[in-house]
């Protein structure tokens, strides 16, 4: 089930530079972490019930570096909160939706994540994220 929007991912060349705009609005970076598997550093900025995620490449061959090279800074993806990512993954596969990973994987902030290919989501890269603490009991 999808209870809401978790965050909006924004590709930036530099978190240090980009965060100034959000801080000028009165928002604050909650934490910054590196996700080595994705070759990215992320800064999470709480904003109401959602967050803004700034994405900075840590390698020239990372997906974010490629995105920045092709499109420049800007909105990279929308992330929907999932209360049961395994069930959402299965439901999307059954509906013929193209997913980018064989199964959900580790993401920032201790989450499990899955991505929907933009071809299956009206041109938008959609991420599903479930906090690990919310994993369903077996």
Protein backbone atom coordinates (compact mmCIF):
# COMPACT_ATOMS: atom_id res chain seq x y z
CA UNK A 1 0.00 0.00 0.00
CA UNK A 2 1.15 3.53 -0.77
CA UNK A 3 0.28 5.87 2.13
CA UNK A 4 1.86 8.99 0.62
CA UNK A 5 4.83 10.75 -0.89
CA UNK A 6 8.06 10.02 0.94
CA UNK A 7 10.31 12.48 -0.89
CA UNK A 8 11.20 14.27 -4.10
CA UNK A 9 14.72 13.50 -5.35
CA UNK A 10 16.64 16.41 -6.87
CA UNK A 11 19.94 15.88 -8.69
CA UNK A 12 22.52 18.53 -7.78
CA UNK A 13 26.15 19.08 -8.65
CA UNK A 14 26.96 19.96 -5.04
CA UNK A 15 24.96 19.43 -1.86
CA UNK A 16 27.05 22.12 -0.17
CA UNK A 17 25.94 24.67 -2.76
CA UNK A 18 22.35 23.49 -3.27
CA UNK A 19 21.39 23.34 0.40
CA UNK A 20 21.71 27.13 0.72
CA UNK A 21 18.48 27.70 -1.19
CA UNK A 22 16.48 25.38 1.08
CA UNK A 23 18.06 26.83 4.20
CA UNK A 24 17.12 30.33 2.99
CA UNK A 25 13.52 29.05 3.00
CA UNK A 26 13.92 28.07 6.66
CA UNK A 27 14.35 24.33 5.99
CA UNK A 28 17.26 22.38 7.48
CA UNK A 29 19.26 19.38 6.33
CA UNK A 30 18.38 16.52 8.69
CA UNK A 31 21.30 14.31 7.69
CA UNK A 32 23.73 13.54 4.90
CA UNK A 33 24.83 10.03 4.04
CA UNK A 34 26.63 8.21 1.30
CA UNK A 35 25.05 5.23 -0.45
CA UNK A 36 28.10 3.48 -1.95
CA UNK A 37 26.04 0.95 -3.94
CA UNK A 38 24.40 3.85 -5.80
CA UNK A 39 27.57 6.01 -5.98
CA UNK A 40 25.67 8.90 -4.47
CA UNK A 41 25.65 11.18 -1.44
CA UNK A 42 22.21 12.25 -0.25
CA UNK A 43 21.01 15.07 1.97
CA UNK A 44 17.53 14.73 3.44
CA UNK A 45 15.56 17.89 4.15
CA UNK A 46 12.26 17.44 6.02
CA UNK A 47 9.41 19.45 4.52
CA UNK A 48 6.03 18.89 6.15
CA UNK A 49 5.09 15.21 5.98
CA UNK A 50 7.58 14.64 3.14
CA UNK A 51 11.24 15.30 2.44
CA UNK A 52 13.42 16.79 -0.25
CA UNK A 53 16.38 14.56 -1.14
CA UNK A 54 19.41 16.24 -2.69
CA UNK A 55 21.43 13.74 -4.75
CA UNK A 56 25.13 14.35 -5.46
CA UNK A 57 27.19 11.90 -7.53
CA UNK A 58 30.26 10.41 -5.86
CA UNK A 59 31.59 8.88 -9.09
CA UNK A 60 31.54 10.00 -12.73
CA UNK A 61 29.87 6.72 -13.71
CA UNK A 62 27.01 6.96 -11.21
CA UNK A 63 23.40 7.25 -12.40
CA UNK A 64 23.24 10.77 -10.93
CA UNK A 65 26.40 11.88 -12.77
CA UNK A 66 24.89 10.55 -16.00
CA UNK A 67 21.60 12.30 -15.28
CA UNK A 68 23.40 15.61 -14.61
CA UNK A 69 25.46 15.25 -17.79
CA UNK A 70 22.37 14.63 -19.90
CA UNK A 71 19.79 16.89 -18.25
CA UNK A 72 21.54 19.13 -15.73
CA UNK A 73 20.36 19.72 -12.17
CA UNK A 74 16.69 19.22 -11.41
CA UNK A 75 14.00 16.80 -10.33
CA UNK A 76 15.30 13.26 -10.67
CA UNK A 77 12.49 11.18 -9.16
CA UNK A 78 9.45 11.06 -6.94
CA UNK A 79 9.47 8.56 -4.10
CA UNK A 80 6.27 7.00 -2.80
CA UNK A 81 6.19 5.55 0.69
CA UNK A 82 5.38 1.85 0.78
CA UNK A 83 3.99 -0.02 3.75
CA UNK A 84 4.81 -3.39 2.11
CA UNK A 85 7.38 -3.08 -0.66
CA UNK A 86 7.40 -6.82 -1.43
CA UNK A 87 3.64 -6.78 -2.06
CA UNK A 88 3.86 -3.55 -4.09
CA UNK A 89 6.72 -5.05 -6.14
CA UNK A 90 4.68 -8.20 -6.85
CA UNK A 91 1.52 -6.22 -7.69
CA UNK A 92 3.41 -4.01 -10.17
CA UNK A 93 5.11 -7.00 -11.83
CA UNK A 94 1.73 -8.74 -12.17
CA UNK A 95 0.37 -5.62 -13.85
CA UNK A 96 3.22 -5.67 -16.38
CA UNK A 97 4.95 -2.61 -14.95
CA UNK A 98 8.68 -2.44 -15.76
CA UNK A 99 10.82 -2.33 -12.61
CA UNK A 100 14.52 -1.48 -12.63
CA UNK A 101 15.68 -4.08 -10.11
CA UNK A 102 15.09 -7.80 -9.75
CA UNK A 103 13.99 -7.19 -6.14
CA UNK A 104 13.97 -4.32 -3.63
CA UNK A 105 17.45 -3.30 -2.46
CA UNK A 106 19.00 -1.24 0.35
CA UNK A 107 18.52 2.51 0.04
CA UNK A 108 19.34 5.65 2.02
CA UNK A 109 18.14 5.99 5.59
CA UNK A 110 17.85 2.25 6.19
CA UNK A 111 15.09 1.75 3.64
CA UNK A 112 14.29 -0.92 1.10
CA UNK A 113 13.75 0.60 -2.36
CA UNK A 114 12.50 -0.34 -5.80
CA UNK A 115 12.36 1.83 -8.92
CA UNK A 116 9.73 1.92 -11.66
CA UNK A 117 11.06 2.61 -15.15
CA UNK A 118 9.82 5.94 -16.51
CA UNK A 119 8.34 4.10 -19.55
CA UNK A 120 5.83 2.53 -17.18
CA UNK A 121 5.11 5.69 -15.18
CA UNK A 122 4.29 8.41 -17.67
CA UNK A 123 7.90 9.51 -18.11
CA UNK A 124 8.61 9.84 -14.38
CA UNK A 125 11.20 7.79 -12.49
CA UNK A 126 9.25 6.54 -9.47
CA UNK A 127 10.93 5.10 -6.38
CA UNK A 128 9.10 3.06 -3.76
CA UNK A 129 10.64 3.09 -0.27
CA UNK A 130 9.83 1.18 2.88
CA UNK A 131 11.57 1.77 6.19
CA UNK A 132 13.21 -1.47 7.31
CA UNK A 133 11.57 -1.13 10.72
CA UNK A 134 8.22 -1.41 8.93
CA UNK A 135 9.00 -4.75 7.26
CA UNK A 136 5.98 -7.05 7.56
CA UNK A 137 6.27 -9.87 10.05
CA UNK A 138 6.62 -13.36 8.58
